[in-house]
All heavy atoms as atom14 arrays in JSON, in Angstrom:
{
  "sequence": "LGEKVGQALGQPIVIENRAGAGHAIGTEAVARAAPDGYT",
  "atom14_mask": [
    [1, 1, 1, 1, 1, 1, 1, 1, 0, 0, 0, 0, 0, 0],
    [1, 1, 1, 1, 0, 0, 0, 0, 0, 0, 0, 0, 0, 0],
    [1, 1, 1, 1, 1, 1, 1, 1, 1, 0, 0, 0, 0, 0],
    [1, 1, 1, 1, 1, 1, 1, 1, 1, 0, 0, 0, 0, 0],
    [1, 1, 1, 1, 1, 1, 1, 0, 0, 0, 0, 0, 0, 0],
    [1, 1, 1, 1, 0, 0, 0, 0, 0, 0, 0, 0, 0, 0],
    [1, 1, 1, 1, 1, 1, 1, 1, 1, 0, 0, 0, 0, 0],
    [1, 1, 1, 1, 1, 0, 0, 0, 0, 0, 0, 0, 0, 0],
    [1, 1, 1, 1, 1, 1, 1, 1, 0, 0, 0, 0, 0, 0],
    [1, 1, 1, 1, 0, 0, 0, 0, 0, 0, 0, 0, 0, 0],
    [1, 1, 1, 1, 1, 1, 1, 1, 1, 0, 0, 0, 0, 0],
    [1, 1, 1, 1, 1, 1, 1, 0, 0, 0, 0, 0, 0, 0],
    [1, 1, 1, 1, 1, 1, 1, 1, 0, 0, 0, 0, 0, 0],
    [1, 1, 1, 1, 1, 1, 1, 0, 0, 0, 0, 0, 0, 0],
    [1, 1, 1, 1, 1, 1, 1, 1, 0, 0, 0, 0, 0, 0],
    [1, 1, 1, 1, 1, 1, 1, 1, 1, 0, 0, 0, 0, 0],
    [1, 1, 1, 1, 1, 1, 1, 1, 0, 0, 0, 0, 0, 0],
    [1, 1, 1, 1, 1, 1, 1, 1, 1, 1, 1, 0, 0, 0],
    [1, 1, 1, 1, 1, 0, 0, 0, 0, 0, 0, 0, 0, 0],
    [1, 1, 1, 1, 0, 0, 0, 0, 0, 0, 0, 0, 0, 0],
    [1, 1, 1, 1, 1, 0, 0, 0, 0, 0, 0, 0, 0, 0],
    [1, 1, 1, 1, 0, 0, 0, 0, 0, 0, 0, 0, 0, 0],
    [1, 1, 1, 1, 1, 1, 1, 1, 1, 1, 0, 0, 0, 0],
    [1, 1, 1, 1, 1, 0, 0, 0, 0, 0, 0, 0, 0, 0],
    [1, 1, 1, 1, 1, 1, 1, 1, 0, 0, 0, 0, 0, 0],
    [1, 1, 1, 1, 0, 0, 0, 0, 0, 0, 0, 0, 0, 0],
    [1, 1, 1, 1, 1, 1, 1, 0, 0, 0, 0, 0, 0, 0],
    [1, 1, 1, 1, 1, 1, 1, 1, 1, 0, 0, 0, 0, 0],
    [1, 1, 1, 1, 1, 0, 0, 0, 0, 0, 0, 0, 0, 0],
    [1, 1, 1, 1, 1, 1, 1, 0, 0, 0, 0, 0, 0, 0],
    [1, 1, 1, 1, 1, 0, 0, 0, 0, 0, 0, 0, 0, 0],
    [1, 1, 1, 1, 1, 1, 1, 1, 1, 1, 1, 0, 0, 0],
    [1, 1, 1, 1, 1, 0, 0, 0, 0, 0, 0, 0, 0, 0],
    [1, 1, 1, 1, 1, 0, 0, 0, 0, 0, 0, 0, 0, 0],
    [1, 1, 1, 1, 1, 1, 1, 0, 0, 0, 0, 0, 0, 0],
    [1, 1, 1, 1, 1, 1, 1, 1, 0, 0, 0, 0, 0, 0],
    [1, 1, 1, 1, 0, 0, 0, 0, 0, 0, 0, 0, 0, 0],
    [1, 1, 1, 1, 1, 1, 1, 1, 1, 1, 1, 1, 0, 0],
    [1, 1, 1, 1, 1, 1, 1, 0, 0, 0, 0, 0, 0, 0]
  ],
  "atom14_positions": [
    [[154.2, 120.73, 111.82], [155.16, 121.72, 112.29], [155.26, 121.75, 113.81], [156.35, 121.9, 114.37], [154.75, 123.11, 111.8], [154.85, 123.41, 110.31], [154.49, 124.86, 110.06], [156.24, 123.13, 109.79], [0.0, 0.0, 0.0], [0.0, 0.0, 0.0], [0.0, 0.0, 0.0], [0.0, 0.0, 0.0], [0.0, 0.0, 0.0], [0.0, 0.0, 0.0]],
    [[154.11, 121.62, 114.46], [154.08, 121.75, 115.91], [154.98, 120.75, 116.61], [155.67, 121.08, 117.58], [0.0, 0.0, 0.0], [0.0, 0.0, 0.0], [0.0, 0.0, 0.0], [0.0, 0.0, 0.0], [0.0, 0.0, 0.0], [0.0, 0.0, 0.0], [0.0, 0.0, 0.0], [0.0, 0.0, 0.0], [0.0, 0.0, 0.0], [0.0, 0.0, 0.0]],
    [[154.99, 119.53, 116.12], [155.84, 118.51, 116.73], [157.31, 118.9, 116.67], [158.04, 118.83, 117.67], [155.62, 117.18, 116.03], [156.47, 116.05, 116.6], [156.3, 114.74, 115.84], [155.52, 114.71, 114.86], [156.97, 113.76, 116.22], [0.0, 0.0, 0.0], [0.0, 0.0, 0.0], [0.0, 0.0, 0.0], [0.0, 0.0, 0.0], [0.0, 0.0, 0.0]],
    [[157.76, 119.36, 115.5], [159.17, 119.71, 115.32], [159.54, 121.02, 116.03], [160.61, 121.12, 116.64], [159.48, 119.84, 113.83], [159.28, 118.56, 113.03], [160.28, 117.49, 113.44], [160.15, 116.26, 112.56], [161.13, 115.2, 112.95], [0.0, 0.0, 0.0], [0.0, 0.0, 0.0], [0.0, 0.0, 0.0], [0.0, 0.0, 0.0], [0.0, 0.0, 0.0]],
    [[158.66, 122.02, 115.96], [158.95, 123.29, 116.62], [158.98, 123.1, 118.13], [159.83, 123.67, 118.83], [157.91, 124.36, 116.23], [158.08, 125.63, 117.06], [158.03, 124.71, 114.75], [0.0, 0.0, 0.0], [0.0, 0.0, 0.0], [0.0, 0.0, 0.0], [0.0, 0.0, 0.0], [0.0, 0.0, 0.0], [0.0, 0.0, 0.0], [0.0, 0.0, 0.0]],
    [[158.07, 122.28, 118.66], [158.07, 122.01, 120.09], [159.36, 121.36, 120.54], [159.9, 121.69, 121.6], [0.0, 0.0, 0.0], [0.0, 0.0, 0.0], [0.0, 0.0, 0.0], [0.0, 0.0, 0.0], [0.0, 0.0, 0.0], [0.0, 0.0, 0.0], [0.0, 0.0, 0.0], [0.0, 0.0, 0.0], [0.0, 0.0, 0.0], [0.0, 0.0, 0.0]],
    [[159.87, 120.45, 119.73], [161.15, 119.81, 120.07], [162.28, 120.84, 120.11], [163.13, 120.81, 120.99], [161.47, 118.72, 119.06], [160.55, 117.51, 119.13], [160.76, 116.53, 117.99], [161.61, 116.74, 117.12], [159.99, 115.45, 117.97], [0.0, 0.0, 0.0], [0.0, 0.0, 0.0], [0.0, 0.0, 0.0], [0.0, 0.0, 0.0], [0.0, 0.0, 0.0]],
    [[162.27, 121.78, 119.16], [163.32, 122.79, 119.11], [163.24, 123.75, 120.28], [164.27, 124.21, 120.79], [163.22, 123.57, 117.8], [0.0, 0.0, 0.0], [0.0, 0.0, 0.0], [0.0, 0.0, 0.0], [0.0, 0.0, 0.0], [0.0, 0.0, 0.0], [0.0, 0.0, 0.0], [0.0, 0.0, 0.0], [0.0, 0.0, 0.0], [0.0, 0.0, 0.0]],
    [[162.03, 124.05, 120.73], [161.85, 125.01, 121.82], [161.92, 124.35, 123.2], [162.01, 125.04, 124.21], [160.5, 125.72, 121.69], [160.36, 126.67, 120.5], [158.93, 127.19, 120.4], [161.33, 127.84, 120.62], [0.0, 0.0, 0.0], [0.0, 0.0, 0.0], [0.0, 0.0, 0.0], [0.0, 0.0, 0.0], [0.0, 0.0, 0.0], [0.0, 0.0, 0.0]],
    [[161.85, 123.03, 123.23], [161.92, 122.34, 124.52], [160.61, 122.33, 125.28], [160.58, 122.0, 126.47], [0.0, 0.0, 0.0], [0.0, 0.0, 0.0], [0.0, 0.0, 0.0], [0.0, 0.0, 0.0], [0.0, 0.0, 0.0], [0.0, 0.0, 0.0], [0.0, 0.0, 0.0], [0.0, 0.0, 0.0], [0.0, 0.0, 0.0], [0.0, 0.0, 0.0]],
    [[159.52, 122.68, 124.6], [158.19, 122.65, 125.22], [157.19, 122.13, 124.18], [157.32, 122.42, 122.99], [157.75, 124.04, 125.67], [158.5, 124.59, 126.88], [158.15, 123.83, 128.17], [157.14, 123.15, 128.25], [159.03, 123.96, 129.16], [0.0, 0.0, 0.0], [0.0, 0.0, 0.0], [0.0, 0.0, 0.0], [0.0, 0.0, 0.0], [0.0, 0.0, 0.0]],
    [[156.21, 121.36, 124.61], [155.24, 120.83, 123.65], [154.37, 121.93, 123.05], [154.03, 122.9, 123.71], [154.41, 119.84, 124.47], [154.57, 120.3, 125.88], [155.95, 120.88, 125.99], [0.0, 0.0, 0.0], [0.0, 0.0, 0.0], [0.0, 0.0, 0.0], [0.0, 0.0, 0.0], [0.0, 0.0, 0.0], [0.0, 0.0, 0.0], [0.0, 0.0, 0.0]],
    [[154.02, 121.75, 121.77], [153.04, 122.6, 121.12], [151.7, 121.87, 121.19], [151.57, 120.74, 120.71], [153.4, 122.85, 119.64], [154.79, 123.49, 119.52], [152.33, 123.71, 118.97], [154.91, 124.88, 120.06], [0.0, 0.0, 0.0], [0.0, 0.0, 0.0], [0.0, 0.0, 0.0], [0.0, 0.0, 0.0], [0.0, 0.0, 0.0], [0.0, 0.0, 0.0]],
    [[150.72, 122.51, 121.79], [149.39, 121.9, 121.95], [148.47, 122.47, 120.89], [148.21, 123.68, 120.85], [148.82, 122.18, 123.36], [147.43, 121.56, 123.5], [149.76, 121.65, 124.43], [0.0, 0.0, 0.0], [0.0, 0.0, 0.0], [0.0, 0.0, 0.0], [0.0, 0.0, 0.0], [0.0, 0.0, 0.0], [0.0, 0.0, 0.0], [0.0, 0.0, 0.0]],
    [[147.97, 121.61, 120.0], [147.07, 122.05, 118.94], [145.65, 122.09, 119.49], [145.15, 121.11, 120.04], [147.11, 121.1, 117.72], [148.55, 120.96, 117.21], [146.18, 121.59, 116.63], [149.18, 122.25, 116.74], [0.0, 0.0, 0.0], [0.0, 0.0, 0.0], [0.0, 0.0, 0.0], [0.0, 0.0, 0.0], [0.0, 0.0, 0.0], [0.0, 0.0, 0.0]],
    [[145.0, 123.23, 119.35], [143.63, 123.42, 119.83], [142.74, 123.79, 118.64], [142.88, 124.87, 118.07], [143.59, 124.52, 120.89], [142.22, 124.75, 121.49], [142.25, 125.79, 122.6], [143.17, 125.75, 123.45], [141.38, 126.68, 122.6], [0.0, 0.0, 0.0], [0.0, 0.0, 0.0], [0.0, 0.0, 0.0], [0.0, 0.0, 0.0], [0.0, 0.0, 0.0]],
    [[141.85, 122.9, 118.25], [140.96, 123.14, 117.11], [139.71, 123.88, 117.56], [139.01, 123.42, 118.46], [140.56, 121.82, 116.46], [141.74, 121.08, 115.86], [142.37, 120.26, 116.52], [142.04, 121.37, 114.61], [0.0, 0.0, 0.0], [0.0, 0.0, 0.0], [0.0, 0.0, 0.0], [0.0, 0.0, 0.0], [0.0, 0.0, 0.0], [0.0, 0.0, 0.0]],
    [[139.47, 125.03, 116.91], [138.25, 125.8, 117.19], [137.63, 126.19, 115.85], [137.89, 127.27, 115.32], [138.56, 127.06, 118.01], [139.01, 126.77, 119.43], [138.76, 127.97, 120.31], [139.27, 127.8, 121.64], [139.08, 128.68, 122.64], [138.39, 129.79, 122.4], [139.58, 128.47, 123.82], [0.0, 0.0, 0.0], [0.0, 0.0, 0.0], [0.0, 0.0, 0.0]],
    [[136.85, 125.28, 115.31], [136.27, 125.49, 113.98], [134.96, 126.27, 114.07], [134.34, 126.35, 115.13], [136.03, 124.14, 113.32], [0.0, 0.0, 0.0], [0.0, 0.0, 0.0], [0.0, 0.0, 0.0], [0.0, 0.0, 0.0], [0.0, 0.0, 0.0], [0.0, 0.0, 0.0], [0.0, 0.0, 0.0], [0.0, 0.0, 0.0], [0.0, 0.0, 0.0]],
    [[134.57, 126.83, 112.92], [133.27, 127.48, 112.83], [133.33, 128.91, 112.36], [134.37, 129.57, 112.46], [0.0, 0.0, 0.0], [0.0, 0.0, 0.0], [0.0, 0.0, 0.0], [0.0, 0.0, 0.0], [0.0, 0.0, 0.0], [0.0, 0.0, 0.0], [0.0, 0.0, 0.0], [0.0, 0.0, 0.0], [0.0, 0.0, 0.0], [0.0, 0.0, 0.0]],
    [[132.2, 129.37, 111.81], [132.03, 130.76, 111.38], [133.1, 131.2, 110.39], [133.63, 132.31, 110.47], [132.0, 131.7, 112.58], [0.0, 0.0, 0.0], [0.0, 0.0, 0.0], [0.0, 0.0, 0.0], [0.0, 0.0, 0.0], [0.0, 0.0, 0.0], [0.0, 0.0, 0.0], [0.0, 0.0, 0.0], [0.0, 0.0, 0.0], [0.0, 0.0, 0.0]],
    [[133.41, 130.33, 109.43], [134.4, 130.69, 108.42], [135.76, 131.0, 109.01], [136.45, 131.92, 108.55], [0.0, 0.0, 0.0], [0.0, 0.0, 0.0], [0.0, 0.0, 0.0], [0.0, 0.0, 0.0], [0.0, 0.0, 0.0], [0.0, 0.0, 0.0], [0.0, 0.0, 0.0], [0.0, 0.0, 0.0], [0.0, 0.0, 0.0], [0.0, 0.0, 0.0]],
    [[136.13, 130.25, 110.05], [137.42, 130.38, 110.74], [137.44, 131.53, 111.75], [138.43, 131.73, 112.45], [138.59, 130.56, 109.76], [138.77, 129.43, 108.81], [139.9, 129.31, 108.02], [138.01, 128.35, 108.51], [139.81, 128.23, 107.28], [138.66, 127.63, 107.55], [0.0, 0.0, 0.0], [0.0, 0.0, 0.0], [0.0, 0.0, 0.0], [0.0, 0.0, 0.0]],
    [[136.36, 132.3, 111.85], [136.37, 133.48, 112.72], [136.37, 133.13, 114.2], [136.9, 133.88, 115.02], [135.17, 134.38, 112.4], [0.0, 0.0, 0.0], [0.0, 0.0, 0.0], [0.0, 0.0, 0.0], [0.0, 0.0, 0.0], [0.0, 0.0, 0.0], [0.0, 0.0, 0.0], [0.0, 0.0, 0.0], [0.0, 0.0, 0.0], [0.0, 0.0, 0.0]],
    [[135.79, 131.99, 114.57], [135.74, 131.62, 115.99], [137.14, 131.38, 116.54], [137.54, 131.92, 117.58], [134.85, 130.37, 116.19], [133.38, 130.73, 115.94], [135.02, 129.81, 117.6], [132.44, 129.55, 116.01], [0.0, 0.0, 0.0], [0.0, 0.0, 0.0], [0.0, 0.0, 0.0], [0.0, 0.0, 0.0], [0.0, 0.0, 0.0], [0.0, 0.0, 0.0]],
    [[137.91, 130.56, 115.84], [139.28, 130.28, 116.29], [140.17, 131.5, 116.24], [140.99, 131.73, 117.14], [0.0, 0.0, 0.0], [0.0, 0.0, 0.0], [0.0, 0.0, 0.0], [0.0, 0.0, 0.0], [0.0, 0.0, 0.0], [0.0, 0.0, 0.0], [0.0, 0.0, 0.0], [0.0, 0.0, 0.0], [0.0, 0.0, 0.0], [0.0, 0.0, 0.0]],
    [[140.0, 132.31, 115.19], [140.84, 133.5, 115.05], [140.52, 134.52, 116.14], [141.41, 135.18, 116.67], [140.64, 134.12, 113.66], [140.86, 133.1, 112.67], [141.63, 135.24, 113.42], [0.0, 0.0, 0.0], [0.0, 0.0, 0.0], [0.0, 0.0, 0.0], [0.0, 0.0, 0.0], [0.0, 0.0, 0.0], [0.0, 0.0, 0.0], [0.0, 0.0, 0.0]],
    [[139.25, 134.64, 116.51], [138.88, 135.55, 117.61], [139.52, 135.09, 118.92], [139.95, 135.93, 119.74], [137.36, 135.6, 117.77], [136.92, 136.55, 118.88], [135.41, 136.56, 119.11], [134.68, 135.9, 118.35], [134.98, 137.23, 120.07], [0.0, 0.0, 0.0], [0.0, 0.0, 0.0], [0.0, 0.0, 0.0], [0.0, 0.0, 0.0], [0.0, 0.0, 0.0]],
    [[139.61, 133.78, 119.12], [140.24, 133.26, 120.33], [141.7, 133.68, 120.41], [142.22, 133.96, 121.51], [140.13, 131.74, 120.37], [0.0, 0.0, 0.0], [0.0, 0.0, 0.0], [0.0, 0.0, 0.0], [0.0, 0.0, 0.0], [0.0, 0.0, 0.0], [0.0, 0.0, 0.0], [0.0, 0.0, 0.0], [0.0, 0.0, 0.0], [0.0, 0.0, 0.0]],
    [[142.37, 133.76, 119.28], [143.76, 134.24, 119.26], [143.8, 135.72, 119.63], [144.63, 136.15, 120.44], [144.4, 134.01, 117.87], [145.84, 134.55, 117.86], [144.4, 132.54, 117.5], [0.0, 0.0, 0.0], [0.0, 0.0, 0.0], [0.0, 0.0, 0.0], [0.0, 0.0, 0.0], [0.0, 0.0, 0.0], [0.0, 0.0, 0.0], [0.0, 0.0, 0.0]],
    [[142.89, 136.5, 119.06], [142.86, 137.94, 119.32], [142.61, 138.23, 120.8], [143.15, 139.21, 121.34], [141.77, 138.6, 118.48], [0.0, 0.0, 0.0], [0.0, 0.0, 0.0], [0.0, 0.0, 0.0], [0.0, 0.0, 0.0], [0.0, 0.0, 0.0], [0.0, 0.0, 0.0], [0.0, 0.0, 0.0], [0.0, 0.0, 0.0], [0.0, 0.0, 0.0]],
    [[141.83, 137.39, 121.46], [141.47, 137.64, 122.87], [142.48, 137.04, 123.85], [142.38, 137.26, 125.05], [140.08, 137.06, 123.15], [138.98, 137.62, 122.26], [138.62, 139.06, 122.61], [137.7, 139.62, 121.62], [138.03, 140.48, 120.68], [139.29, 140.9, 120.58], [137.13, 140.95, 119.83], [0.0, 0.0, 0.0], [0.0, 0.0, 0.0], [0.0, 0.0, 0.0]],
    [[143.43, 136.26, 123.36], [144.4, 135.6, 124.25], [145.42, 136.61, 124.79], [145.67, 137.66, 124.18], [145.11, 134.49, 123.5], [0.0, 0.0, 0.0], [0.0, 0.0, 0.0], [0.0, 0.0, 0.0], [0.0, 0.0, 0.0], [0.0, 0.0, 0.0], [0.0, 0.0, 0.0], [0.0, 0.0, 0.0], [0.0, 0.0, 0.0], [0.0, 0.0, 0.0]],
    [[146.01, 136.27, 125.92], [147.06, 137.13, 126.5], [148.27, 137.15, 125.56], [148.68, 136.1, 125.06], [147.47, 136.6, 127.87], [0.0, 0.0, 0.0], [0.0, 0.0, 0.0], [0.0, 0.0, 0.0], [0.0, 0.0, 0.0], [0.0, 0.0, 0.0], [0.0, 0.0, 0.0], [0.0, 0.0, 0.0], [0.0, 0.0, 0.0], [0.0, 0.0, 0.0]],
    [[148.85, 138.32, 125.33], [150.02, 138.42, 124.43], [151.32, 138.09, 125.15], [152.26, 138.88, 125.19], [149.98, 139.89, 124.0], [149.4, 140.61, 125.18], [148.39, 139.66, 125.79], [0.0, 0.0, 0.0], [0.0, 0.0, 0.0], [0.0, 0.0, 0.0], [0.0, 0.0, 0.0], [0.0, 0.0, 0.0], [0.0, 0.0, 0.0], [0.0, 0.0, 0.0]],
    [[151.37, 136.88, 125.72], [152.52, 136.49, 126.54], [153.44, 135.47, 125.86], [154.37, 134.95, 126.48], [152.02, 135.93, 127.88], [151.07, 134.74, 127.71], [150.87, 134.3, 126.56], [150.53, 134.27, 128.73], [0.0, 0.0, 0.0], [0.0, 0.0, 0.0], [0.0, 0.0, 0.0], [0.0, 0.0, 0.0], [0.0, 0.0, 0.0], [0.0, 0.0, 0.0]],
    [[153.16, 135.18, 124.59], [154.01, 134.23, 123.88], [153.58, 132.78, 124.02], [154.29, 131.9, 123.53], [0.0, 0.0, 0.0], [0.0, 0.0, 0.0], [0.0, 0.0, 0.0], [0.0, 0.0, 0.0], [0.0, 0.0, 0.0], [0.0, 0.0, 0.0], [0.0, 0.0, 0.0], [0.0, 0.0, 0.0], [0.0, 0.0, 0.0], [0.0, 0.0, 0.0]],
    [[152.44, 132.54, 124.67], [151.99, 131.17, 124.85], [150.73, 130.83, 124.06], [150.15, 129.77, 124.24], [151.81, 130.87, 126.35], [153.15, 130.83, 127.05], [153.64, 131.96, 127.7], [153.95, 129.7, 127.0], [154.89, 131.95, 128.29], [155.2, 129.67, 127.59], [155.67, 130.81, 128.23], [156.91, 130.78, 128.81], [0.0, 0.0, 0.0], [0.0, 0.0, 0.0]],
    [[150.32, 131.75, 123.18], [149.22, 131.47, 122.26], [149.59, 132.01, 120.88], [149.98, 133.18, 120.74], [147.91, 132.12, 122.71], [147.53, 131.6, 124.0], [146.79, 131.83, 121.71], [0.0, 0.0, 0.0], [0.0, 0.0, 0.0], [0.0, 0.0, 0.0], [0.0, 0.0, 0.0], [0.0, 0.0, 0.0], [0.0, 0.0, 0.0], [0.0, 0.0, 0.0]]
  ]
}
């Protein structure tokens, strides 16, 4: 999806893998990110 959505938006989608703790590590990183539309 990221490849196609990035093309539609005119900006690349960068996939960042943060595995561990039953998915909680990556999900916490989303919760702590700035709510500016870039995460």
